[in-house]
Amino acid sequence: MTPQNYDDFTRTLTEEMPDTEWSWALQALWYASNNDWEASHDIAQDLHTPIGSWIHAYLHRAEGDKFNADYWYGRAGKPFPKLSIQDEIKEIIESLLSK
């Protein structure tokens, strides 16, 4: 079952893996939230949507690659964020769950 809000999402982080019925974007965010950059990136790079680009940007920002992050924020139509990494992933998750 897809989480209804951010708190529901965070409660799933103790599971072994995300629910395979979730959207690819939500699965990528689950892996990112569990510090599995590679798994998250593998999914995000195949999401050719604004949310996929936003997740991709976030991942490169989190790894410290500002140049690559800037490119993906541009593809997502988003400015480089001023908020913390933790606040940004929460914002992405909440944005995705509100749709």
PDB file of N, CA and C in Angstrom:
ATOM      1  N   MET A   1       0.843  -1.178   0.000  1.00  0.00           N
ATOM      2  CA  MET A   1       0.000   0.000   0.000  1.00  0.00           C
ATOM      3  C   MET A   1       0.893   1.249   0.000  1.00  0.00           C
ATOM      4  N   THR A   2       0.547   2.201  -0.817  1.00  0.00           N
ATOM      5  CA  THR A   2       1.317   3.442  -0.906  1.00  0.00           C
ATOM      6  C   THR A   2       1.098   4.272   0.357  1.00  0.00           C
ATOM      7  N   PRO A   3       2.170   4.804   0.925  1.00  0.00           N
ATOM      8  CA  PRO A   3       2.019   5.656   2.108  1.00  0.00           C
ATOM      9  C   PRO A   3       1.116   6.853   1.810  1.00  0.00           C
ATOM     10  N   GLN A   4       0.406   7.296   2.811  1.00  0.00           N
ATOM     11  CA  GLN A   4      -0.495   8.434   2.652  1.00  0.00           C
ATOM     12  C   GLN A   4       0.200   9.766   2.934  1.00  0.00           C
ATOM     13  N   ASN A   5       1.299   9.707   3.699  1.00  0.00           N
ATOM     14  CA  ASN A   5       2.006  10.935   4.049  1.00  0.00           C
ATOM     15  C   ASN A   5       3.459  10.601   4.408  1.00  0.00           C
ATOM     16  N   TYR A   6       4.210  11.630   4.735  1.00  0.00           N
ATOM     17  CA  TYR A   6       5.635  11.460   5.014  1.00  0.00           C
ATOM     18  C   TYR A   6       5.875  10.534   6.210  1.00  0.00           C
ATOM     19  N   ASP A   7       5.080  10.680   7.252  1.00  0.00           N
ATOM     20  CA  ASP A   7       5.250   9.816   8.433  1.00  0.00           C
ATOM     21  C   ASP A   7       5.002   8.348   8.083  1.00  0.00           C
ATOM     22  N   ASP A   8       3.975   8.092   7.285  1.00  0.00           N
ATOM     23  CA  ASP A   8       3.726   6.717   6.833  1.00  0.00           C
ATOM     24  C   ASP A   8       4.934   6.189   6.057  1.00  0.00           C
ATOM     25  N   PHE A   9       5.481   7.041   5.192  1.00  0.00           N
ATOM     26  CA  PHE A   9       6.642   6.658   4.386  1.00  0.00           C
ATOM     27  C   PHE A   9       7.822   6.295   5.294  1.00  0.00           C
ATOM     28  N   THR A  10       8.115   7.138   6.280  1.00  0.00           N
ATOM     29  CA  THR A  10       9.279   6.882   7.131  1.00  0.00           C
ATOM     30  C   THR A  10       9.122   5.594   7.937  1.00  0.00           C
ATOM     31  N   ARG A  11       7.897   5.220   8.250  1.00  0.00           N
ATOM     32  CA  ARG A  11       7.677   3.969   8.984  1.00  0.00           C
ATOM     33  C   ARG A  11       8.046   2.743   8.145  1.00  0.00           C
ATOM     34  N   THR A  12       8.096   2.887   6.829  1.00  0.00           N
ATOM     35  CA  THR A  12       8.443   1.755   5.965  1.00  0.00           C
ATOM     36  C   THR A  12       9.953   1.551   5.849  1.00  0.00           C
ATOM     37  N   LEU A  13      10.724   2.484   6.347  1.00  0.00           N
ATOM     38  CA  LEU A  13      12.179   2.435   6.142  1.00  0.00           C
ATOM     39  C   LEU A  13      12.863   1.302   6.897  1.00  0.00           C
ATOM     40  N   THR A  14      12.151   0.648   7.793  1.00  0.00           N
ATOM     41  CA  THR A  14      12.725  -0.501   8.496  1.00  0.00           C
ATOM     42  C   THR A  14      12.523  -1.800   7.711  1.00  0.00           C
ATOM     43  N   GLU A  15      11.711  -1.736   6.672  1.00  0.00           N
ATOM     44  CA  GLU A  15      11.483  -2.916   5.836  1.00  0.00           C
ATOM     45  C   GLU A  15      12.758  -3.242   5.052  1.00  0.00           C
ATOM     46  N   GLU A  16      12.813  -4.442   4.515  1.00  0.00           N
ATOM     47  CA  GLU A  16      13.967  -4.882   3.743  1.00  0.00           C
ATOM     48  C   GLU A  16      14.074  -4.185   2.396  1.00  0.00           C
ATOM     49  N   MET A  17      12.934  -3.856   1.831  1.00  0.00           N
ATOM     50  CA  MET A  17      12.897  -3.177   0.531  1.00  0.00           C
ATOM     51  C   MET A  17      11.569  -2.446   0.404  1.00  0.00           C
ATOM     52  N   PRO A  18      11.471  -1.518  -0.559  1.00  0.00           N
ATOM     53  CA  PRO A  18      10.198  -0.825  -0.736  1.00  0.00           C
ATOM     54  C   PRO A  18       9.156  -1.741  -1.370  1.00  0.00           C
ATOM     55  N   ASP A  19       7.927  -1.381  -1.215  1.00  0.00           N
ATOM     56  CA  ASP A  19       6.829  -2.123  -1.825  1.00  0.00           C
ATOM     57  C   ASP A  19       6.966  -2.031  -3.348  1.00  0.00           C
ATOM     58  N   THR A  20       6.972  -3.149  -4.011  1.00  0.00           N
ATOM     59  CA  THR A  20       7.171  -3.167  -5.456  1.00  0.00           C
ATOM     60  C   THR A  20       5.963  -2.614  -6.216  1.00  0.00           C
ATOM     61  N   GLU A  21       4.864  -2.383  -5.527  1.00  0.00           N
ATOM     62  CA  GLU A  21       3.701  -1.779  -6.173  1.00  0.00           C
ATOM     63  C   GLU A  21       3.745  -0.264  -6.141  1.00  0.00           C
ATOM     64  N   TRP A  22       4.696   0.304  -5.414  1.00  0.00           N
ATOM     65  CA  TRP A  22       4.866   1.754  -5.403  1.00  0.00           C
ATOM     66  C   TRP A  22       5.380   2.216  -6.754  1.00  0.00           C
ATOM     67  N   SER A  23       5.216   3.505  -7.009  1.00  0.00           N
ATOM     68  CA  SER A  23       5.786   4.085  -8.223  1.00  0.00           C
ATOM     69  C   SER A  23       7.307   3.966  -8.156  1.00  0.00           C
ATOM     70  N   TRP A  24       7.937   3.978  -9.332  1.00  0.00           N
ATOM     71  CA  TRP A  24       9.404   3.927  -9.380  1.00  0.00           C
ATOM     72  C   TRP A  24      10.005   5.111  -8.627  1.00  0.00           C
ATOM     73  N   ALA A  25       9.386   6.275  -8.759  1.00  0.00           N
ATOM     74  CA  ALA A  25       9.910   7.468  -8.079  1.00  0.00           C
ATOM     75  C   ALA A  25       9.904   7.263  -6.561  1.00  0.00           C
ATOM     76  N   LEU A  26       8.820   6.737  -6.024  1.00  0.00           N
ATOM     77  CA  LEU A  26       8.742   6.525  -4.579  1.00  0.00           C
ATOM     78  C   LEU A  26       9.741   5.456  -4.134  1.00  0.00           C
ATOM     79  N   GLN A  27       9.924   4.433  -4.956  1.00  0.00           N
ATOM     80  CA  GLN A  27      10.931   3.426  -4.632  1.00  0.00           C
ATOM     81  C   GLN A  27      12.334   4.047  -4.620  1.00  0.00           C
ATOM     82  N   ALA A  28      12.625   4.917  -5.575  1.00  0.00           N
ATOM     83  CA  ALA A  28      13.932   5.589  -5.605  1.00  0.00           C
ATOM     84  C   ALA A  28      14.136   6.412  -4.335  1.00  0.00           C
ATOM     85  N   LEU A  29      13.091   7.085  -3.893  1.00  0.00           N
ATOM     86  CA  LEU A  29      13.190   7.889  -2.664  1.00  0.00           C
ATOM     87  C   LEU A  29      13.357   7.009  -1.435  1.00  0.00           C
ATOM     88  N   TRP A  30      12.733   5.835  -1.451  1.00  0.00           N
ATOM     89  CA  TRP A  30      12.901   4.899  -0.336  1.00  0.00           C
ATOM     90  C   TRP A  30      14.364   4.474  -0.243  1.00  0.00           C
ATOM     91  N   TYR A  31      14.961   4.102  -1.381  1.00  0.00           N
ATOM     92  CA  TYR A  31      16.376   3.712  -1.379  1.00  0.00           C
ATOM     93  C   TYR A  31      17.267   4.872  -0.956  1.00  0.00           C
ATOM     94  N   ALA A  32      16.974   6.073  -1.437  1.00  0.00           N
ATOM     95  CA  ALA A  32      17.760   7.243  -1.035  1.00  0.00           C
ATOM     96  C   ALA A  32      17.652   7.458   0.471  1.00  0.00           C
ATOM     97  N   SER A  33      16.461   7.291   1.015  1.00  0.00           N
ATOM     98  CA  SER A  33      16.246   7.469   2.458  1.00  0.00           C
ATOM     99  C   SER A  33      16.937   6.401   3.281  1.00  0.00           C
ATOM    100  N   ASN A  34      17.248   5.275   2.656  1.00  0.00           N
ATOM    101  CA  ASN A  34      17.956   4.188   3.318  1.00  0.00           C
ATOM    102  C   ASN A  34      19.446   4.173   2.959  1.00  0.00           C
ATOM    103  N   ASN A  35      19.922   5.310   2.476  1.00  0.00           N
ATOM    104  CA  ASN A  35      21.349   5.475   2.141  1.00  0.00           C
ATOM    105  C   ASN A  35      21.860   4.473   1.116  1.00  0.00           C
ATOM    106  N   ASP A  36      20.996   4.084   0.195  1.00  0.00           N
ATOM    107  CA  ASP A  36      21.415   3.221  -0.905  1.00  0.00           C
ATOM    108  C   ASP A  36      21.404   4.067  -2.177  1.00  0.00           C
ATOM    109  N   TRP A  37      22.452   4.885  -2.310  1.00  0.00           N
ATOM    110  CA  TRP A  37      22.566   5.834  -3.413  1.00  0.00           C
ATOM    111  C   TRP A  37      22.504   5.115  -4.756  1.00  0.00           C
ATOM    112  N   GLU A  38      23.226   4.022  -4.887  1.00  0.00           N
ATOM    113  CA  GLU A  38      23.292   3.306  -6.165  1.00  0.00           C
ATOM    114  C   GLU A  38      21.918   2.817  -6.623  1.00  0.00           C
ATOM    115  N   ALA A  39      21.177   2.176  -5.737  1.00  0.00           N
ATOM    116  CA  ALA A  39      19.851   1.664  -6.110  1.00  0.00           C
ATOM    117  C   ALA A  39      18.925   2.818  -6.479  1.00  0.00           C
ATOM    118  N   SER A  40      18.982   3.891  -5.706  1.00  0.00           N
ATOM    119  CA  SER A  40      18.150   5.050  -5.991  1.00  0.00           C
ATOM    120  C   SER A  40      18.526   5.668  -7.336  1.00  0.00           C
ATOM    121  N   HIS A  41      19.807   5.820  -7.573  1.00  0.00           N
ATOM    122  CA  HIS A  41      20.290   6.418  -8.821  1.00  0.00           C
ATOM    123  C   HIS A  41      19.922   5.544 -10.023  1.00  0.00           C
ATOM    124  N   ASP A  42      20.044   4.232  -9.877  1.00  0.00           N
ATOM    125  CA  ASP A  42      19.690   3.320 -10.967  1.00  0.00           C
ATOM    126  C   ASP A  42      18.248   3.538 -11.424  1.00  0.00           C
ATOM    127  N   ILE A  43      17.368   3.777 -10.458  1.00  0.00           N
ATOM    128  CA  ILE A  43      15.962   4.022 -10.801  1.00  0.00           C
ATOM    129  C   ILE A  43      15.795   5.435 -11.366  1.00  0.00           C
ATOM    130  N   ALA A  44      16.334   6.421 -10.669  1.00  0.00           N
ATOM    131  CA  ALA A  44      16.126   7.823 -11.057  1.00  0.00           C
ATOM    132  C   ALA A  44      16.637   8.119 -12.461  1.00  0.00           C
ATOM    133  N   GLN A  45      17.750   7.532 -12.840  1.00  0.00           N
ATOM    134  CA  GLN A  45      18.291   7.847 -14.169  1.00  0.00           C
ATOM    135  C   GLN A  45      17.419   7.300 -15.298  1.00  0.00           C
ATOM    136  N   ASP A  46      16.513   6.387 -14.977  1.00  0.00           N
ATOM    137  CA  ASP A  46      15.598   5.862 -15.982  1.00  0.00           C
ATOM    138  C   ASP A  46      14.217   6.519 -15.944  1.00  0.00           C
ATOM    139  N   LEU A  47      14.035   7.464 -15.024  1.00  0.00           N
ATOM    140  CA  LEU A  47      12.760   8.187 -14.930  1.00  0.00           C
ATOM    141  C   LEU A  47      12.884   9.481 -15.733  1.00  0.00           C
ATOM    142  N   HIS A  48      12.352   9.500 -16.895  1.00  0.00           N
ATOM    143  CA  HIS A  48      12.471  10.658 -17.788  1.00  0.00           C
ATOM    144  C   HIS A  48      11.274  11.581 -17.606  1.00  0.00           C
ATOM    145  N   THR A  49      11.130  12.042 -16.357  1.00  0.00           N
ATOM    146  CA  THR A  49      10.039  12.926 -15.966  1.00  0.00           C
ATOM    147  C   THR A  49      10.620  14.023 -15.083  1.00  0.00           C
ATOM    148  N   PRO A  50       9.872  15.103 -14.852  1.00  0.00           N
ATOM    149  CA  PRO A  50      10.379  16.136 -13.934  1.00  0.00           C
ATOM    150  C   PRO A  50      10.691  15.593 -12.531  1.00  0.00           C
ATOM    151  N   ILE A  51       9.858  14.709 -11.997  1.00  0.00           N
ATOM    152  CA  ILE A  51      10.137  14.163 -10.661  1.00  0.00           C
ATOM    153  C   ILE A  51      11.382  13.284 -10.696  1.00  0.00           C
ATOM    154  N   GLY A  52      11.572  12.533 -11.772  1.00  0.00           N
ATOM    155  CA  GLY A  52      12.780  11.732 -11.910  1.00  0.00           C
ATOM    156  C   GLY A  52      14.023  12.611 -11.953  1.00  0.00           C
ATOM    157  N   SER A  53      13.924  13.728 -12.671  1.00  0.00           N
ATOM    158  CA  SER A  53      15.051  14.666 -12.734  1.00  0.00           C
ATOM    159  C   SER A  53      15.306  15.306 -11.376  1.00  0.00           C
ATOM    160  N   TRP A  54      14.241  15.605 -10.637  1.00  0.00           N
ATOM    161  CA  TRP A  54      14.400  16.200  -9.309  1.00  0.00           C
ATOM    162  C   TRP A  54      15.090  15.212  -8.369  1.00  0.00           C
ATOM    163  N   ILE A  55      14.674  13.973  -8.392  1.00  0.00           N
ATOM    164  CA  ILE A  55      15.323  12.951  -7.562  1.00  0.00           C
ATOM    165  C   ILE A  55      16.784  12.804  -7.981  1.00  0.00           C
ATOM    166  N   HIS A  56      17.024  12.766  -9.276  1.00  0.00           N
ATOM    167  CA  HIS A  56      18.388  12.641  -9.802  1.00  0.00           C
ATOM    168  C   HIS A  56      19.247  13.816  -9.320  1.00  0.00           C
ATOM    169  N   ALA A  57      18.685  15.028  -9.387  1.00  0.00           N
ATOM    170  CA  ALA A  57      19.394  16.217  -8.908  1.00  0.00           C
ATOM    171  C   ALA A  57      19.715  16.093  -7.425  1.00  0.00           C
ATOM    172  N   TYR A  58      18.711  15.713  -6.646  1.00  0.00           N
ATOM    173  CA  TYR A  58      18.904  15.534  -5.204  1.00  0.00           C
ATOM    174  C   TYR A  58      20.051  14.563  -4.928  1.00  0.00           C
ATOM    175  N   LEU A  59      20.073  13.454  -5.633  1.00  0.00           N
ATOM    176  CA  LEU A  59      21.105  12.437  -5.401  1.00  0.00           C
ATOM    177  C   LEU A  59      22.504  12.982  -5.679  1.00  0.00           C
ATOM    178  N   HIS A  60      22.650  13.732  -6.772  1.00  0.00           N
ATOM    179  CA  HIS A  60      23.967  14.294  -7.073  1.00  0.00           C
ATOM    180  C   HIS A  60      24.331  15.400  -6.091  1.00  0.00           C
ATOM    181  N   ARG A  61      23.350  16.152  -5.631  1.00  0.00           N
ATOM    182  CA  ARG A  61      23.612  17.150  -4.581  1.00  0.00           C
ATOM    183  C   ARG A  61      24.070  16.442  -3.303  1.00  0.00           C
ATOM    184  N   ALA A  62      23.385  15.372  -2.942  1.00  0.00           N
ATOM    185  CA  ALA A  62      23.727  14.637  -1.714  1.00  0.00           C
ATOM    186  C   ALA A  62      25.135  14.059  -1.771  1.00  0.00           C
ATOM    187  N   GLU A  63      25.596  13.691  -2.970  1.00  0.00           N
ATOM    188  CA  GLU A  63      26.955  13.155  -3.088  1.00  0.00           C
ATOM    189  C   GLU A  63      28.003  14.254  -3.231  1.00  0.00           C
ATOM    190  N   GLY A  64      27.549  15.505  -3.330  1.00  0.00           N
ATOM    191  CA  GLY A  64      28.483  16.628  -3.420  1.00  0.00           C
ATOM    192  C   GLY A  64      28.872  17.015  -4.833  1.00  0.00           C
ATOM    193  N   ASP A  65      28.151  16.519  -5.834  1.00  0.00           N
ATOM    194  CA  ASP A  65      28.441  16.818  -7.237  1.00  0.00           C
ATOM    195  C   ASP A  65      27.518  17.953  -7.709  1.00  0.00           C
ATOM    196  N   LYS A  66      27.887  19.192  -7.352  1.00  0.00           N
ATOM    197  CA  LYS A  66      27.040  20.357  -7.655  1.00  0.00           C
ATOM    198  C   LYS A  66      26.857  20.540  -9.160  1.00  0.00           C
ATOM    199  N   PHE A  67      27.889  20.313  -9.938  1.00  0.00           N
ATOM    200  CA  PHE A  67      27.797  20.495 -11.388  1.00  0.00           C
ATOM    201  C   PHE A  67      26.699  19.605 -11.975  1.00  0.00           C
ATOM    202  N   ASN A  68      26.737  18.330 -11.648  1.00  0.00           N
ATOM    203  CA  ASN A  68      25.742  17.385 -12.136  1.00  0.00           C
ATOM    204  C   ASN A  68      24.362  17.704 -11.552  1.00  0.00           C
ATOM    205  N   ALA A  69      24.333  18.054 -10.277  1.00  0.00           N
ATOM    206  CA  ALA A  69      23.062  18.407  -9.635  1.00  0.00           C
ATOM    207  C   ALA A  69      22.428  19.599 -10.341  1.00  0.00           C
ATOM    208  N   ASP A  70      23.215  20.634 -10.645  1.00  0.00           N
ATOM    209  CA  ASP A  70      22.686  21.813 -11.339  1.00  0.00           C
ATOM    210  C   ASP A  70      22.013  21.423 -12.656  1.00  0.00           C
ATOM    211  N   TYR A  71      22.655  20.553 -13.395  1.00  0.00           N
ATOM    212  CA  TYR A  71      22.091  20.099 -14.666  1.00  0.00           C
ATOM    213  C   TYR A  71      20.716  19.473 -14.450  1.00  0.00           C
ATOM    214  N   TRP A  72      20.611  18.570 -13.466  1.00  0.00           N
ATOM    215  CA  TRP A  72      19.359  17.862 -13.239  1.00  0.00           C
ATOM    216  C   TRP A  72      18.288  18.755 -12.628  1.00  0.00           C
ATOM    217  N   TYR A  73      18.683  19.731 -11.792  1.00  0.00           N
ATOM    218  CA  TYR A  73      17.683  20.688 -11.295  1.00  0.00           C
ATOM    219  C   TYR A  73      17.102  21.465 -12.473  1.00  0.00           C
ATOM    220  N   GLY A  74      17.958  21.822 -13.433  1.00  0.00           N
ATOM    221  CA  GLY A  74      17.473  22.502 -14.629  1.00  0.00           C
ATOM    222  C   GLY A  74      16.480  21.651 -15.396  1.00  0.00           C
ATOM    223  N   ARG A  75      16.778  20.358 -15.548  1.00  0.00           N
ATOM    224  CA  ARG A  75      15.867  19.440 -16.245  1.00  0.00           C
ATOM    225  C   ARG A  75      14.544  19.303 -15.484  1.00  0.00           C
ATOM    226  N   ALA A  76      14.613  19.416 -14.155  1.00  0.00           N
ATOM    227  CA  ALA A  76      13.405  19.302 -13.333  1.00  0.00           C
ATOM    228  C   ALA A  76      12.621  20.611 -13.272  1.00  0.00           C
ATOM    229  N   GLY A  77      13.229  21.706 -13.776  1.00  0.00           N
ATOM    230  CA  GLY A  77      12.583  23.009 -13.678  1.00  0.00           C
ATOM    231  C   GLY A  77      12.612  23.566 -12.274  1.00  0.00           C
ATOM    232  N   LYS A  78      13.661  23.207 -11.530  1.00  0.00           N
ATOM    233  CA  LYS A  78      13.791  23.624 -10.131  1.00  0.00           C
ATOM    234  C   LYS A  78      15.091  24.404  -9.940  1.00  0.00           C
ATOM    235  N   PRO A  79      15.075  25.425  -9.078  1.00  0.00           N
ATOM    236  CA  PRO A  79      16.331  26.096  -8.747  1.00  0.00           C
ATOM    237  C   PRO A  79      17.135  25.229  -7.773  1.00  0.00           C
ATOM    238  N   PHE A  80      18.429  25.467  -7.695  1.00  0.00           N
ATOM    239  CA  PHE A  80      19.249  24.758  -6.700  1.00  0.00           C
ATOM    240  C   PHE A  80      18.709  25.144  -5.328  1.00  0.00           C
ATOM    241  N   PRO A  81      18.344  24.168  -4.505  1.00  0.00           N
ATOM    242  CA  PRO A  81      17.675  24.474  -3.228  1.00  0.00           C
ATOM    243  C   PRO A  81      18.599  25.100  -2.186  1.00  0.00           C
ATOM    244  N   LYS A  82      17.968  25.882  -1.332  1.00  0.00           N
ATOM    245  CA  LYS A  82      18.686  26.484  -0.207  1.00  0.00           C
ATOM    246  C   LYS A  82      18.458  25.688   1.070  1.00  0.00           C
ATOM    247  N   LEU A  83      17.509  24.757   1.041  1.00  0.00           N
ATOM    248  CA  LEU A  83      17.235  23.985   2.245  1.00  0.00           C
ATOM    249  C   LEU A  83      18.204  22.821   2.386  1.00  0.00           C
ATOM    250  N   SER A  84      18.194  22.225   3.545  1.00  0.00           N
ATOM    251  CA  SER A  84      19.103  21.113   3.821  1.00  0.00           C
ATOM    252  C   SER A  84      18.738  19.896   2.976  1.00  0.00           C
ATOM    253  N   ILE A  85      19.692  18.992   2.875  1.00  0.00           N
ATOM    254  CA  ILE A  85      19.460  17.725   2.157  1.00  0.00           C
ATOM    255  C   ILE A  85      18.269  16.985   2.768  1.00  0.00           C
ATOM    256  N   GLN A  86      18.204  16.949   4.097  1.00  0.00           N
ATOM    257  CA  GLN A  86      17.120  16.237   4.780  1.00  0.00           C
ATOM    258  C   GLN A  86      15.766  16.887   4.489  1.00  0.00           C
ATOM    259  N   ASP A  87      15.742  18.218   4.497  1.00  0.00           N
ATOM    260  CA  ASP A  87      14.485  18.909   4.210  1.00  0.00           C
ATOM    261  C   ASP A  87      14.085  18.741   2.749  1.00  0.00           C
ATOM    262  N   GLU A  88      15.083  18.688   1.869  1.00  0.00           N
ATOM    263  CA  GLU A  88      14.751  18.528   0.454  1.00  0.00           C
ATOM    264  C   GLU A  88      14.131  17.158   0.172  1.00  0.00           C
ATOM    265  N   ILE A  89      14.707  16.092   0.701  1.00  0.00           N
ATOM    266  CA  ILE A  89      14.119  14.781   0.408  1.00  0.00           C
ATOM    267  C   ILE A  89      12.711  14.687   0.989  1.00  0.00           C
ATOM    268  N   LYS A  90      12.495  15.293   2.136  1.00  0.00           N
ATOM    269  CA  LYS A  90      11.142  15.320   2.711  1.00  0.00           C
ATOM    270  C   LYS A  90      10.196  16.066   1.767  1.00  0.00           C
ATOM    271  N   GLU A  91      10.657  17.185   1.214  1.00  0.00           N
ATOM    272  CA  GLU A  91       9.840  17.957   0.281  1.00  0.00           C
ATOM    273  C   GLU A  91       9.505  17.145  -0.979  1.00  0.00           C
ATOM    274  N   ILE A  92      10.482  16.418  -1.497  1.00  0.00           N
ATOM    275  CA  ILE A  92      10.247  15.600  -2.688  1.00  0.00           C
ATOM    276  C   ILE A  92       9.223  14.510  -2.381  1.00  0.00           C
ATOM    277  N   ILE A  93       9.409  13.839  -1.254  1.00  0.00           N
ATOM    278  CA  ILE A  93       8.493  12.759  -0.864  1.00  0.00           C
ATOM    279  C   ILE A  93       7.074  13.312  -0.685  1.00  0.00           C
ATOM    280  N   GLU A  94       6.947  14.419   0.046  1.00  0.00           N
ATOM    281  CA  GLU A  94       5.628  14.998   0.268  1.00  0.00           C
ATOM    282  C   GLU A  94       4.985  15.445  -1.044  1.00  0.00           C
ATOM    283  N   SER A  95       5.778  15.993  -1.935  1.00  0.00           N
ATOM    284  CA  SER A  95       5.279  16.413  -3.238  1.00  0.00           C
ATOM    285  C   SER A  95       4.738  15.208  -4.015  1.00  0.00           C
ATOM    286  N   LEU A  96       5.483  14.136  -4.002  1.00  0.00           N
ATOM    287  CA  LEU A  96       5.076  12.931  -4.722  1.00  0.00           C
ATOM    288  C   LEU A  96       3.825  12.308  -4.109  1.00  0.00           C
ATOM    289  N   LEU A  97       3.764  12.264  -2.787  1.00  0.00           N
ATOM    290  CA  LEU A  97       2.610  11.652  -2.117  1.00  0.00           C
ATOM    291  C   LEU A  97       1.340  12.488  -2.219  1.00  0.00           C
ATOM    292  N   SER A  98       1.493  13.782  -2.477  1.00  0.00           N
ATOM    293  CA  SER A  98       0.305  14.648  -2.564  1.00  0.00           C
ATOM    294  C   SER A  98      -0.378  14.551  -3.923  1.00  0.00           C
ATOM    295  N   LYS A  99       0.245  13.846  -4.870  1.00  0.00           N
ATOM    296  CA  LYS A  99      -0.341  13.746  -6.222  1.00  0.00           C
ATOM    297  C   LYS A  99      -1.263  12.558  -6.339  1.00  0.00           C
TER     298      LYS A  99
END
